[in-house]
Every structure is written in C-alpha cells, then in structure tokens.
C-alpha cells in the first residue's frame, strides 16, 4: 500500500511546525545559539519538503484529469 503525497505533506508540515515551536521555546535569551539554529534549519527543510509534496499531489491530480 502506497502513502499519498498529500498525507505525507501534512505530516511534514506538522513536523515543521513542531520543530518551529520547539525552536521558539528553546530561545531563552537570544536566538543565536546552536540548538535554536539547528531546530530552525530542520523546520525549514520539513516545510520545504511539504511544499514539494503538495506540488507533486497537484501534478498527479492534474495528470489524472487529462
């Protein structure tokens, strides 16, 4: 059984949101510490993957219409 790109996109977006929240909570005095930057980078990658999966879902949906 294959997983749909739309489900995976929602999953990656939720992970990106969770990492963003954790990064915001870990910023005590300043945001320029290593842990905050690493968490923000992981969140960015997760959100970028979710955008690509949303686009893939739309391309698959449009190709099935034709």
C-alpha atoms as a PDB file:
ATOM      1  CA  UNK A   1       0.000   0.000   0.000  1.00  0.00           C
ATOM      2  CA  UNK A   2       1.385   3.362  -1.033  1.00  0.00           C
ATOM      3  CA  UNK A   3       1.155   6.519   1.004  1.00  0.00           C
ATOM      4  CA  UNK A   4      -0.338   9.528  -0.737  1.00  0.00           C
ATOM      5  CA  UNK A   5       1.811  12.630  -1.208  1.00  0.00           C
ATOM      6  CA  UNK A   6      -0.913  14.738   0.385  1.00  0.00           C
ATOM      7  CA  UNK A   7      -0.793  12.768   3.644  1.00  0.00           C
ATOM      8  CA  UNK A   8       2.999  12.956   3.705  1.00  0.00           C
ATOM      9  CA  UNK A   9       2.832  16.708   3.004  1.00  0.00           C
ATOM     10  CA  UNK A  10       0.571  17.229   6.010  1.00  0.00           C
ATOM     11  CA  UNK A  11       2.857  15.076   8.124  1.00  0.00           C
ATOM     12  CA  UNK A  12       5.988  17.011   7.121  1.00  0.00           C
ATOM     13  CA  UNK A  13       4.202  20.327   7.640  1.00  0.00           C
ATOM     14  CA  UNK A  14       3.150  19.271  11.134  1.00  0.00           C
ATOM     15  CA  UNK A  15       6.730  18.238  11.904  1.00  0.00           C
ATOM     16  CA  UNK A  16       7.989  21.576  10.591  1.00  0.00           C
ATOM     17  CA  UNK A  17       5.509  23.402  12.775  1.00  0.00           C
ATOM     18  CA  UNK A  18       6.535  21.299  15.790  1.00  0.00           C
ATOM     19  CA  UNK A  19      10.232  21.998  15.223  1.00  0.00           C
ATOM     20  CA  UNK A  20       9.479  25.706  14.840  1.00  0.00           C
ATOM     21  CA  UNK A  21       7.609  25.681  18.136  1.00  0.00           C
ATOM     22  CA  UNK A  22      10.436  23.829  19.883  1.00  0.00           C
ATOM     23  CA  UNK A  23      12.987  26.249  18.427  1.00  0.00           C
ATOM     24  CA  UNK A  24      10.977  29.216  19.669  1.00  0.00           C
ATOM     25  CA  UNK A  25      10.762  27.679  23.134  1.00  0.00           C
ATOM     26  CA  UNK A  26      14.499  26.943  23.258  1.00  0.00           C
ATOM     27  CA  UNK A  27      15.426  30.565  22.572  1.00  0.00           C
ATOM     28  CA  UNK A  28      15.974  31.754  26.143  1.00  0.00           C
ATOM     29  CA  UNK A  29      17.968  34.992  25.972  1.00  0.00           C
ATOM     30  CA  UNK A  30      18.904  35.084  22.315  1.00  0.00           C
ATOM     31  CA  UNK A  31      18.038  33.168  19.184  1.00  0.00           C
ATOM     32  CA  UNK A  32      21.670  32.894  18.140  1.00  0.00           C
ATOM     33  CA  UNK A  33      22.526  29.699  19.965  1.00  0.00           C
ATOM     34  CA  UNK A  34      23.331  26.419  18.212  1.00  0.00           C
ATOM     35  CA  UNK A  35      20.256  24.455  19.274  1.00  0.00           C
ATOM     36  CA  UNK A  36      17.807  27.109  18.085  1.00  0.00           C
ATOM     37  CA  UNK A  37      19.528  27.429  14.720  1.00  0.00           C
ATOM     38  CA  UNK A  38      19.634  23.644  14.189  1.00  0.00           C
ATOM     39  CA  UNK A  39      15.955  23.281  15.070  1.00  0.00           C
ATOM     40  CA  UNK A  40      15.032  26.159  12.753  1.00  0.00           C
ATOM     41  CA  UNK A  41      17.006  24.561   9.905  1.00  0.00           C
ATOM     42  CA  UNK A  42      15.221  21.230  10.412  1.00  0.00           C
ATOM     43  CA  UNK A  43      11.872  23.038  10.443  1.00  0.00           C
ATOM     44  CA  UNK A  44      12.769  24.815   7.208  1.00  0.00           C
ATOM     45  CA  UNK A  45      13.672  21.561   5.496  1.00  0.00           C
ATOM     46  CA  UNK A  46      10.458  19.883   6.658  1.00  0.00           C
ATOM     47  CA  UNK A  47       8.303  22.749   5.404  1.00  0.00           C
ATOM     48  CA  UNK A  48      10.153  22.800   2.067  1.00  0.00           C
ATOM     49  CA  UNK A  49       9.547  19.066   1.644  1.00  0.00           C
ATOM     50  CA  UNK A  50       5.861  19.549   2.445  1.00  0.00           C
ATOM     51  CA  UNK A  51       5.566  22.246  -0.232  1.00  0.00           C
ATOM     52  CA  UNK A  52       7.197  19.948  -2.779  1.00  0.00           C
ATOM     53  CA  UNK A  53       4.820  17.142  -1.836  1.00  0.00           C
ATOM     54  CA  UNK A  54       1.797  19.463  -2.183  1.00  0.00           C
ATOM     55  CA  UNK A  55       3.033  20.353  -5.678  1.00  0.00           C
ATOM     56  CA  UNK A  56       3.521  16.664  -6.506  1.00  0.00           C
ATOM     57  CA  UNK A  57      -0.019  15.923  -5.352  1.00  0.00           C
ATOM     58  CA  UNK A  58      -1.380  18.682  -7.608  1.00  0.00           C
ATOM     59  CA  UNK A  59       0.618  17.408 -10.597  1.00  0.00           C
ATOM     60  CA  UNK A  60      -0.653  13.866 -10.070  1.00  0.00           C
ATOM     61  CA  UNK A  61      -4.222  15.118  -9.708  1.00  0.00           C
ATOM     62  CA  UNK A  62      -3.967  17.214 -12.883  1.00  0.00           C
ATOM     63  CA  UNK A  63      -2.411  14.373 -14.902  1.00  0.00           C
ATOM     64  CA  UNK A  64      -5.262  12.042 -13.915  1.00  0.00           C
ATOM     65  CA  UNK A  65      -7.814  14.581 -15.210  1.00  0.00           C
ATOM     66  CA  UNK A  66      -6.336  14.566 -18.734  1.00  0.00           C
END
